[in-house]
Amino acid sequence: GLMQSFDGITSSAERASRPRPRRRLEIAKRLPPKTTAAAIGLFAIGTVLLLVGLKVMRSEFDRGVAIVVLGALTFIPGSYASVQLYGAFQRWPGYSYDQIPSYDD
């Protein structure tokens, strides 16, 4: 509690009895796991498809464009959700887990 030793320093028993802040555990509990996995997965797959599509466009333009379009369709929502999740995780003003469609319901 609030009792302090004579010199103003709390004893180890008093420090041990205080509840410790559990910020990381609280955030980890609030971080939606399926939504996080979907966001990171879409971001990663989109990045790979964009890079592969740009490389394929050099030799087979039509096929490369198709791969780039698929990459963009996965990269854009994945990057948006990843930034929103990271902003909410870091508690940036204006960022919230509510701004992302949830797959955890």
Protein backbone atom coordinates (compact mmCIF):
# COMPACT_ATOMS: atom_id res chain seq x y z
CA GLY A 1 0.00 0.00 0.00
CA LEU A 2 0.74 3.51 0.82
CA MET A 3 3.03 2.85 3.78
CA GLN A 4 6.62 3.86 3.24
CA SER A 5 9.69 3.14 5.25
CA PHE A 6 11.29 5.84 7.35
CA ASP A 7 13.61 7.09 4.58
CA GLY A 8 10.78 7.39 2.04
CA ILE A 9 11.66 4.31 -0.01
CA THR A 10 9.09 1.55 -0.31
CA SER A 11 10.11 -1.90 0.80
CA SER A 12 10.31 -4.87 -1.57
CA ALA A 13 7.27 -6.43 0.12
CA GLU A 14 5.23 -3.31 -0.58
CA ARG A 15 6.38 -3.23 -4.21
CA ALA A 16 5.53 -6.91 -4.64
CA SER A 17 2.01 -6.39 -3.28
CA ARG A 18 1.20 -3.63 -5.80
CA PRO A 19 -0.53 -4.63 -9.04
CA ARG A 20 1.83 -4.28 -11.98
CA PRO A 21 0.70 -2.52 -15.11
CA ARG A 22 -0.13 -5.02 -17.83
CA ARG A 23 -0.33 -2.78 -20.88
CA ARG A 24 1.06 -5.38 -23.33
CA LEU A 25 -1.32 -8.08 -22.09
CA GLU A 26 -4.31 -5.75 -22.28
CA ILE A 27 -3.43 -4.72 -25.83
CA ALA A 28 -2.80 -8.31 -26.86
CA LYS A 29 -6.25 -9.25 -25.57
CA ARG A 30 -7.86 -6.43 -27.54
CA LEU A 31 -5.91 -7.09 -30.76
CA PRO A 32 -8.25 -9.17 -32.95
CA PRO A 33 -6.21 -12.21 -34.04
CA LYS A 34 -8.16 -13.25 -37.17
CA THR A 35 -8.39 -9.69 -38.45
CA THR A 36 -4.68 -9.16 -37.79
CA ALA A 37 -3.79 -12.38 -39.62
CA ALA A 38 -6.02 -11.44 -42.56
CA ALA A 39 -4.53 -7.94 -42.79
CA ILE A 40 -0.92 -9.16 -42.68
CA GLY A 41 -1.70 -12.00 -45.09
CA LEU A 42 -3.38 -9.72 -47.63
CA PHE A 43 -0.54 -7.22 -47.34
CA ALA A 44 2.14 -9.89 -47.84
CA ILE A 45 0.37 -11.69 -50.69
CA GLY A 46 -0.41 -8.38 -52.40
CA THR A 47 3.21 -7.27 -52.15
CA VAL A 48 4.46 -10.54 -53.64
CA LEU A 49 1.88 -10.49 -56.45
CA LEU A 50 2.71 -6.89 -57.32
CA LEU A 51 6.43 -7.63 -57.53
CA VAL A 52 5.94 -10.84 -59.50
CA GLY A 53 3.44 -9.14 -61.82
CA LEU A 54 5.85 -6.30 -62.58
CA LYS A 55 8.58 -8.80 -63.40
CA VAL A 56 6.26 -10.91 -65.60
CA MET A 57 5.10 -7.77 -67.44
CA ARG A 58 8.57 -7.51 -69.01
CA SER A 59 8.13 -10.72 -70.98
CA GLU A 60 4.35 -11.33 -71.09
CA PHE A 61 2.55 -8.02 -70.74
CA ASP A 62 -1.07 -9.31 -70.60
CA ARG A 63 -0.32 -11.96 -67.99
CA GLY A 64 1.74 -9.50 -65.96
CA VAL A 65 -1.12 -6.97 -65.93
CA ALA A 66 -3.49 -9.65 -64.61
CA ILE A 67 -1.09 -10.50 -61.79
CA VAL A 68 -0.58 -6.80 -60.96
CA VAL A 69 -4.37 -6.31 -60.77
CA LEU A 70 -4.69 -9.27 -58.38
CA GLY A 71 -1.79 -7.88 -56.37
CA ALA A 72 -3.45 -4.47 -56.13
CA LEU A 73 -6.76 -6.07 -55.07
CA THR A 74 -5.03 -7.76 -52.15
CA PHE A 75 -2.39 -5.14 -51.33
CA ILE A 76 -4.75 -2.17 -50.94
CA PRO A 77 -7.10 -3.61 -48.27
CA GLY A 78 -4.19 -5.40 -46.58
CA SER A 79 -2.12 -2.24 -46.29
CA TYR A 80 -5.10 -0.18 -45.09
CA ALA A 81 -6.02 -2.69 -42.38
CA SER A 82 -2.38 -3.14 -41.35
CA VAL A 83 -1.87 0.61 -40.88
CA GLN A 84 -5.16 0.90 -38.96
CA LEU A 85 -4.24 -2.00 -36.69
CA TYR A 86 -0.75 -0.64 -36.06
CA GLY A 87 -2.13 2.84 -35.33
CA ALA A 88 -4.69 1.43 -32.89
CA PHE A 89 -2.01 -0.79 -31.31
CA GLN A 90 0.26 2.26 -30.81
CA ARG A 91 -2.76 4.25 -29.56
CA TRP A 92 -2.33 6.99 -32.15
CA PRO A 93 -5.11 9.60 -31.92
CA GLY A 94 -7.88 8.88 -34.40
CA TYR A 95 -7.04 5.18 -34.85
CA SER A 96 -9.32 2.50 -33.47
CA TYR A 97 -9.93 -1.21 -33.93
CA ASP A 98 -13.51 -0.27 -34.80
CA GLN A 99 -12.34 1.26 -38.11
CA ILE A 100 -11.48 -2.16 -39.55
CA PRO A 101 -13.95 -4.83 -40.64
CA SER A 102 -13.60 -7.64 -38.12
CA TYR A 103 -13.30 -11.35 -38.88
CA ASP A 104 -13.32 -12.22 -35.18
CA ASP A 105 -17.06 -12.03 -34.57
